[in-house]
Every structure is written in structure tokens, then in C-alpha cells.
Amino acid sequence: MDDLVAAAVAYGFSHAALMDPAKLRARDEVRAMCAENRCGAYGACWACPPACGPLDESRRVLAGYRSGLLVQTTAQLDDPFDYEEMLAAGDQQKRLLIGFRKRLRRQFPELRALGNGACNICETCTYPAAPCRHPGQMVESMEAFGLVVSDACSDNGLGYYYGPGTITYTGCYLLEKV
């Protein structure tokens, strides 16, 4: 399993750490923030509430895995208020998360990928008019699972803040079922 951390960094992630899914806490207050729709994905994406199901289902999913991997992309911002640079770093994280999942799936066929924000595999999500086009490729939202991302990192020995002028995006893989 330790080789996974090195493989993730070699693949292009800035940081990685093994994760114990038992340390992840799905919180009602995080899901409540989803309902405020600050990101615009509430009710618009299969990977986000309400489509992703109740928080108790997220808790059951998390409890069903015994190992995981946290992965991060950290970008140094030329201007700490440059929104385009921030979006580019987030897009890079999502590309890496999807690409590395293909490698991991050979070893962990039942893995689930959770990322930063809503799934963006499709240009336009079919929700709610039609079923997800690619349910096996969906990147579910860490926040939709009720996770405080900074807590997920600190509880598993991974940093979250890497200094002024940086932005970090975090994702994770739930690897082996119990």
C-alpha cells in the first residue's frame, strides 16, 4: 500500500497519503451547506445532493471500505486572487483523479473516487431528466459525502495548507471493501 503514495506523486499529484476510511466523518452540517447551493451543483448533478442520496447512505459507503488514498494538487498562485489560476488547479486535480483512477481500478476494481466539488465528466449532467451516462466513472463529491476536507486530511496525517499564495485541491479513493 505504501507504494500507492509514491505512485500517486509520480503520476502528478503534489501530495498523497494513505487514508483510513473509518476516520472519515460524514457530517450533517456539511450536507446542510450543500443545500445552500453556494457552488451551484445542488439539484443539478448526480454526484451531489439531493441526487446522491441521504447522508446515511454516504456513511454506509464509507463504513464499507477498509483502505483509501488521499491525493492533492497544490498550485502556487502568481496572484492570490486570480480566480482563473484557482480554477485551472482544480481542473488539473480532477484530470489527475480520473486518470489515476484508471490505474488503480486494475488493483481495486470496487474503488470509488471522491473529488473536489461536483462531477464534471460530462459537459452537461443528465440530472434529473435521465440516468447518469457514466455511473462507473462518476467522481463523487467529498462535500456531498458530508466530509470536512481539512479534517479528512489532518485525521489521516496529510497537510491541507501549504503556505501563502497557494491553493490545494483534495480528492480521495476508497479502495478496498471490508
C-alpha atoms as a PDB file:
ATOM      1  CA  MET A   1       0.000   0.000   0.000  1.00  0.00           C
ATOM      2  CA  ASP A   2       2.859   2.419   0.685  1.00  0.00           C
ATOM      3  CA  ASP A   3       3.765   2.171  -2.999  1.00  0.00           C
ATOM      4  CA  LEU A   4       0.435   3.842  -3.798  1.00  0.00           C
ATOM      5  CA  VAL A   5       1.577   7.112  -2.245  1.00  0.00           C
ATOM      6  CA  ALA A   6       4.747   7.157  -4.357  1.00  0.00           C
ATOM      7  CA  ALA A   7       2.777   6.148  -7.458  1.00  0.00           C
ATOM      8  CA  ALA A   8       0.282   8.976  -6.918  1.00  0.00           C
ATOM      9  CA  VAL A   9       3.030  11.569  -6.593  1.00  0.00           C
ATOM     10  CA  ALA A  10       4.845  10.132  -9.622  1.00  0.00           C
ATOM     11  CA  TYR A  11       1.564  10.382 -11.555  1.00  0.00           C
ATOM     12  CA  GLY A  12       1.444  14.120 -10.892  1.00  0.00           C
ATOM     13  CA  PHE A  13      -0.296  14.761  -7.587  1.00  0.00           C
ATOM     14  CA  SER A  14       1.541  17.184  -5.314  1.00  0.00           C
ATOM     15  CA  HIS A  15       0.840  15.202  -2.136  1.00  0.00           C
ATOM     16  CA  ALA A  16      -0.667  11.855  -1.192  1.00  0.00           C
ATOM     17  CA  ALA A  17      -1.235   9.777   1.928  1.00  0.00           C
ATOM     18  CA  LEU A  18      -2.854   6.509   2.855  1.00  0.00           C
ATOM     19  CA  MET A  19      -6.264   7.017   4.371  1.00  0.00           C
ATOM     20  CA  ASP A  20      -8.334   5.095   6.886  1.00  0.00           C
ATOM     21  CA  PRO A  21     -11.992   5.452   5.824  1.00  0.00           C
ATOM     22  CA  ALA A  22     -13.014   4.753   9.440  1.00  0.00           C
ATOM     23  CA  LYS A  23     -11.580   8.182  10.298  1.00  0.00           C
ATOM     24  CA  LEU A  24     -13.866   9.963   7.834  1.00  0.00           C
ATOM     25  CA  ARG A  25     -16.870  11.585   9.488  1.00  0.00           C
ATOM     26  CA  ALA A  26     -19.917  12.371   7.368  1.00  0.00           C
ATOM     27  CA  ARG A  27     -21.388  15.479   8.969  1.00  0.00           C
ATOM     28  CA  ASP A  28     -24.909  16.802   8.713  1.00  0.00           C
ATOM     29  CA  GLU A  29     -23.693  20.420   8.766  1.00  0.00           C
ATOM     30  CA  VAL A  30     -21.597  19.883   5.625  1.00  0.00           C
ATOM     31  CA  ARG A  31     -24.556  18.393   3.791  1.00  0.00           C
ATOM     32  CA  ALA A  32     -26.632  21.354   5.013  1.00  0.00           C
ATOM     33  CA  MET A  33     -24.122  23.683   3.339  1.00  0.00           C
ATOM     34  CA  CYS A  34     -24.724  21.775   0.107  1.00  0.00           C
ATOM     35  CA  ALA A  35     -28.412  22.650   0.362  1.00  0.00           C
ATOM     36  CA  GLU A  36     -27.460  26.337   0.411  1.00  0.00           C
ATOM     37  CA  ASN A  37     -26.208  25.759  -3.155  1.00  0.00           C
ATOM     38  CA  ARG A  38     -23.178  28.048  -2.953  1.00  0.00           C
ATOM     39  CA  CYS A  39     -21.398  26.039  -5.658  1.00  0.00           C
ATOM     40  CA  GLY A  40     -24.428  25.799  -7.947  1.00  0.00           C
ATOM     41  CA  ALA A  41     -24.434  21.984  -8.116  1.00  0.00           C
ATOM     42  CA  TYR A  42     -27.269  21.269  -5.677  1.00  0.00           C
ATOM     43  CA  GLY A  43     -30.076  19.669  -7.636  1.00  0.00           C
ATOM     44  CA  ALA A  44     -28.032  19.833 -10.836  1.00  0.00           C
ATOM     45  CA  CYS A  45     -25.722  16.819 -10.739  1.00  0.00           C
ATOM     46  CA  TRP A  46     -25.969  13.101  -9.997  1.00  0.00           C
ATOM     47  CA  ALA A  47     -22.883  13.293  -7.742  1.00  0.00           C
ATOM     48  CA  CYS A  48     -24.368  15.967  -5.488  1.00  0.00           C
ATOM     49  CA  PRO A  49     -27.428  16.276  -3.240  1.00  0.00           C
ATOM     50  CA  PRO A  50     -30.197  15.510  -3.420  1.00  0.00           C
ATOM     51  CA  ALA A  51     -29.405  13.026  -6.231  1.00  0.00           C
ATOM     52  CA  CYS A  52     -26.552  11.325  -4.356  1.00  0.00           C
ATOM     53  CA  GLY A  53     -28.929  10.091  -1.682  1.00  0.00           C
ATOM     54  CA  PRO A  54     -29.223  10.638   2.050  1.00  0.00           C
ATOM     55  CA  LEU A  55     -26.198  11.155   4.260  1.00  0.00           C
ATOM     56  CA  ASP A  56     -26.845   7.818   5.967  1.00  0.00           C
ATOM     57  CA  GLU A  57     -26.088   6.157   2.624  1.00  0.00           C
ATOM     58  CA  SER A  58     -22.756   8.012   2.495  1.00  0.00           C
ATOM     59  CA  ARG A  59     -21.987   6.761   5.990  1.00  0.00           C
ATOM     60  CA  ARG A  60     -22.758   3.174   4.912  1.00  0.00           C
ATOM     61  CA  VAL A  61     -20.482   3.543   1.877  1.00  0.00           C
ATOM     62  CA  LEU A  62     -17.610   4.905   3.988  1.00  0.00           C
ATOM     63  CA  ALA A  63     -18.040   2.129   6.560  1.00  0.00           C
ATOM     64  CA  GLY A  64     -17.853  -0.438   3.766  1.00  0.00           C
ATOM     65  CA  TYR A  65     -14.218   0.344   2.905  1.00  0.00           C
ATOM     66  CA  ARG A  66     -11.110  -0.564   4.890  1.00  0.00           C
ATOM     67  CA  SER A  67      -8.474   1.415   2.982  1.00  0.00           C
ATOM     68  CA  GLY A  68      -8.128   4.554   0.983  1.00  0.00           C
ATOM     69  CA  LEU A  69      -5.793   7.109  -0.526  1.00  0.00           C
ATOM     70  CA  LEU A  70      -5.905  10.896  -0.244  1.00  0.00           C
ATOM     71  CA  VAL A  71      -4.452  12.872  -3.162  1.00  0.00           C
ATOM     72  CA  GLN A  72      -3.850  16.593  -3.605  1.00  0.00           C
ATOM     73  CA  THR A  73      -2.870  19.128  -6.208  1.00  0.00           C
ATOM     74  CA  THR A  74      -1.259  22.271  -4.822  1.00  0.00           C
ATOM     75  CA  ALA A  75      -0.645  25.260  -7.058  1.00  0.00           C
ATOM     76  CA  GLN A  76       1.463  28.322  -6.404  1.00  0.00           C
ATOM     77  CA  LEU A  77      -0.604  31.347  -7.403  1.00  0.00           C
ATOM     78  CA  ASP A  78       1.116  34.327  -9.008  1.00  0.00           C
ATOM     79  CA  ASP A  79      -1.756  36.424  -7.706  1.00  0.00           C
ATOM     80  CA  PRO A  80      -3.616  35.036  -4.664  1.00  0.00           C
ATOM     81  CA  PHE A  81      -6.863  36.475  -6.069  1.00  0.00           C
ATOM     82  CA  ASP A  82      -6.501  35.057  -9.592  1.00  0.00           C
ATOM     83  CA  TYR A  83      -9.672  33.027  -9.976  1.00  0.00           C
ATOM     84  CA  GLU A  84      -8.582  31.568 -13.330  1.00  0.00           C
ATOM     85  CA  GLU A  85      -5.414  30.119 -11.760  1.00  0.00           C
ATOM     86  CA  MET A  86      -7.518  28.612  -8.992  1.00  0.00           C
ATOM     87  CA  LEU A  87      -9.914  27.023 -11.496  1.00  0.00           C
ATOM     88  CA  ALA A  88      -7.004  25.663 -13.544  1.00  0.00           C
ATOM     89  CA  ALA A  89      -5.572  23.963 -10.444  1.00  0.00           C
ATOM     90  CA  GLY A  90      -8.977  22.459  -9.650  1.00  0.00           C
ATOM     91  CA  ASP A  91      -9.324  21.194 -13.217  1.00  0.00           C
ATOM     92  CA  GLN A  92      -5.833  19.668 -13.018  1.00  0.00           C
ATOM     93  CA  GLN A  93      -6.816  17.849  -9.818  1.00  0.00           C
ATOM     94  CA  LYS A  94      -9.933  16.446 -11.487  1.00  0.00           C
ATOM     95  CA  ARG A  95      -7.968  15.256 -14.545  1.00  0.00           C
ATOM     96  CA  LEU A  96      -5.392  13.557 -12.333  1.00  0.00           C
ATOM     97  CA  LEU A  97      -8.108  11.988 -10.176  1.00  0.00           C
ATOM     98  CA  ILE A  98      -9.843  10.485 -13.220  1.00  0.00           C
ATOM     99  CA  GLY A  99      -6.629   9.337 -14.883  1.00  0.00           C
ATOM    100  CA  PHE A 100      -5.106   7.744 -11.790  1.00  0.00           C
ATOM    101  CA  ARG A 101      -8.396   6.002 -11.034  1.00  0.00           C
ATOM    102  CA  LYS A 102      -7.944   4.042 -14.282  1.00  0.00           C
ATOM    103  CA  ARG A 103      -4.620   2.725 -12.985  1.00  0.00           C
ATOM    104  CA  LEU A 104      -5.946   1.945  -9.526  1.00  0.00           C
ATOM    105  CA  ARG A 105      -9.017   0.153 -10.825  1.00  0.00           C
ATOM    106  CA  ARG A 106      -6.851  -2.737 -12.074  1.00  0.00           C
ATOM    107  CA  GLN A 107      -5.845  -3.473  -8.491  1.00  0.00           C
ATOM    108  CA  PHE A 108      -9.008  -2.214  -6.767  1.00  0.00           C
ATOM    109  CA  PRO A 109     -11.998  -2.937  -9.030  1.00  0.00           C
ATOM    110  CA  GLU A 110     -14.556  -1.713  -6.463  1.00  0.00           C
ATOM    111  CA  LEU A 111     -12.908   1.630  -5.749  1.00  0.00           C
ATOM    112  CA  ARG A 112     -14.825   4.881  -5.554  1.00  0.00           C
ATOM    113  CA  ALA A 113     -13.348   8.263  -6.358  1.00  0.00           C
ATOM    114  CA  LEU A 114     -14.366  11.334  -4.395  1.00  0.00           C
ATOM    115  CA  GLY A 115     -13.227  14.725  -5.558  1.00  0.00           C
ATOM    116  CA  ASN A 116     -13.423  18.422  -5.054  1.00  0.00           C
ATOM    117  CA  GLY A 117     -16.867  19.690  -5.954  1.00  0.00           C
ATOM    118  CA  ALA A 118     -19.330  18.329  -8.459  1.00  0.00           C
ATOM    119  CA  CYS A 119     -18.548  15.661 -11.034  1.00  0.00           C
ATOM    120  CA  ASN A 120     -17.633  17.203 -14.365  1.00  0.00           C
ATOM    121  CA  ILE A 121     -17.023  14.174 -16.576  1.00  0.00           C
ATOM    122  CA  CYS A 122     -19.888  15.219 -18.838  1.00  0.00           C
ATOM    123  CA  GLU A 123     -20.185  18.735 -20.185  1.00  0.00           C
ATOM    124  CA  THR A 124     -23.828  18.732 -19.092  1.00  0.00           C
ATOM    125  CA  CYS A 125     -25.184  16.346 -16.466  1.00  0.00           C
ATOM    126  CA  THR A 126     -28.375  14.464 -17.308  1.00  0.00           C
ATOM    127  CA  TYR A 127     -29.799  15.047 -13.828  1.00  0.00           C
ATOM    128  CA  PRO A 128     -32.748  14.882 -13.266  1.00  0.00           C
ATOM    129  CA  ALA A 129     -34.113  14.131 -16.747  1.00  0.00           C
ATOM    130  CA  ALA A 130     -32.230  10.886 -17.411  1.00  0.00           C
ATOM    131  CA  PRO A 131     -29.926   8.411 -15.648  1.00  0.00           C
ATOM    132  CA  CYS A 132     -26.218   9.161 -15.335  1.00  0.00           C
ATOM    133  CA  ARG A 133     -24.443   8.408 -18.618  1.00  0.00           C
ATOM    134  CA  HIS A 134     -21.315   7.093 -16.873  1.00  0.00           C
ATOM    135  CA  PRO A 135     -22.146   5.887 -13.347  1.00  0.00           C
ATOM    136  CA  GLY A 136     -18.937   3.834 -13.092  1.00  0.00           C
ATOM    137  CA  GLN A 137     -16.842   6.866 -13.967  1.00  0.00           C
ATOM    138  CA  MET A 138     -18.607   9.442 -11.813  1.00  0.00           C
ATOM    139  CA  VAL A 139     -16.425  11.407  -9.422  1.00  0.00           C
ATOM    140  CA  GLU A 140     -18.481  11.879  -6.312  1.00  0.00           C
ATOM    141  CA  SER A 141     -18.135  14.968  -4.172  1.00  0.00           C
ATOM    142  CA  MET A 142     -16.290  14.753  -0.844  1.00  0.00           C
ATOM    143  CA  GLU A 143     -18.551  17.507   0.444  1.00  0.00           C
ATOM    144  CA  ALA A 144     -21.686  15.678  -0.752  1.00  0.00           C
ATOM    145  CA  PHE A 145     -20.472  12.776   1.394  1.00  0.00           C
ATOM    146  CA  GLY A 146     -20.586  15.224   4.315  1.00  0.00           C
ATOM    147  CA  LEU A 147     -16.813  15.386   4.677  1.00  0.00           C
ATOM    148  CA  VAL A 148     -14.884  18.365   6.003  1.00  0.00           C
ATOM    149  CA  VAL A 149     -11.915  18.058   3.677  1.00  0.00           C
ATOM    150  CA  SER A 150      -9.410  19.641   6.052  1.00  0.00           C
ATOM    151  CA  ASP A 151     -10.465  17.155   8.775  1.00  0.00           C
ATOM    152  CA  ALA A 152     -10.128  14.217   6.375  1.00  0.00           C
ATOM    153  CA  CYS A 153      -6.571  15.352   5.697  1.00  0.00           C
ATOM    154  CA  SER A 154      -5.493  16.073   9.277  1.00  0.00           C
ATOM    155  CA  ASP A 155      -7.133  12.893  10.610  1.00  0.00           C
ATOM    156  CA  ASN A 156      -5.046  10.897   8.124  1.00  0.00           C
ATOM    157  CA  GLY A 157      -1.711  12.692   8.543  1.00  0.00           C
ATOM    158  CA  LEU A 158      -1.805  14.845   5.402  1.00  0.00           C
ATOM    159  CA  GLY A 159      -1.367  18.596   5.322  1.00  0.00           C
ATOM    160  CA  TYR A 160      -4.029  20.892   3.979  1.00  0.00           C
ATOM    161  CA  TYR A 161      -2.442  24.335   3.920  1.00  0.00           C
ATOM    162  CA  TYR A 162       0.887  24.711   2.158  1.00  0.00           C
ATOM    163  CA  GLY A 163       1.619  28.381   2.672  1.00  0.00           C
ATOM    164  CA  PRO A 164       0.607  31.805   1.448  1.00  0.00           C
ATOM    165  CA  GLY A 165      -0.098  32.163  -2.244  1.00  0.00           C
ATOM    166  CA  THR A 166      -1.070  28.501  -2.645  1.00  0.00           C
ATOM    167  CA  ILE A 167      -4.299  26.667  -3.277  1.00  0.00           C
ATOM    168  CA  THR A 168      -4.793  22.962  -2.686  1.00  0.00           C
ATOM    169  CA  TYR A 169      -7.495  20.663  -4.023  1.00  0.00           C
ATOM    170  CA  THR A 170      -8.066  17.316  -2.355  1.00  0.00           C
ATOM    171  CA  GLY A 171      -9.649  14.088  -3.521  1.00  0.00           C
ATOM    172  CA  CYS A 172      -9.623  10.527  -2.305  1.00  0.00           C
ATOM    173  CA  TYR A 173     -10.099   6.965  -3.383  1.00  0.00           C
ATOM    174  CA  LEU A 174     -11.975   4.413  -1.336  1.00  0.00           C
ATOM    175  CA  LEU A 175     -10.016   1.319  -2.318  1.00  0.00           C
ATOM    176  CA  GLU A 176     -10.740  -1.997  -0.615  1.00  0.00           C
ATOM    177  CA  LYS A 177     -14.127  -3.061   0.633  1.00  0.00           C
ATOM    178  CA  VAL A 178     -14.431  -4.544   4.116  1.00  0.00           C
END
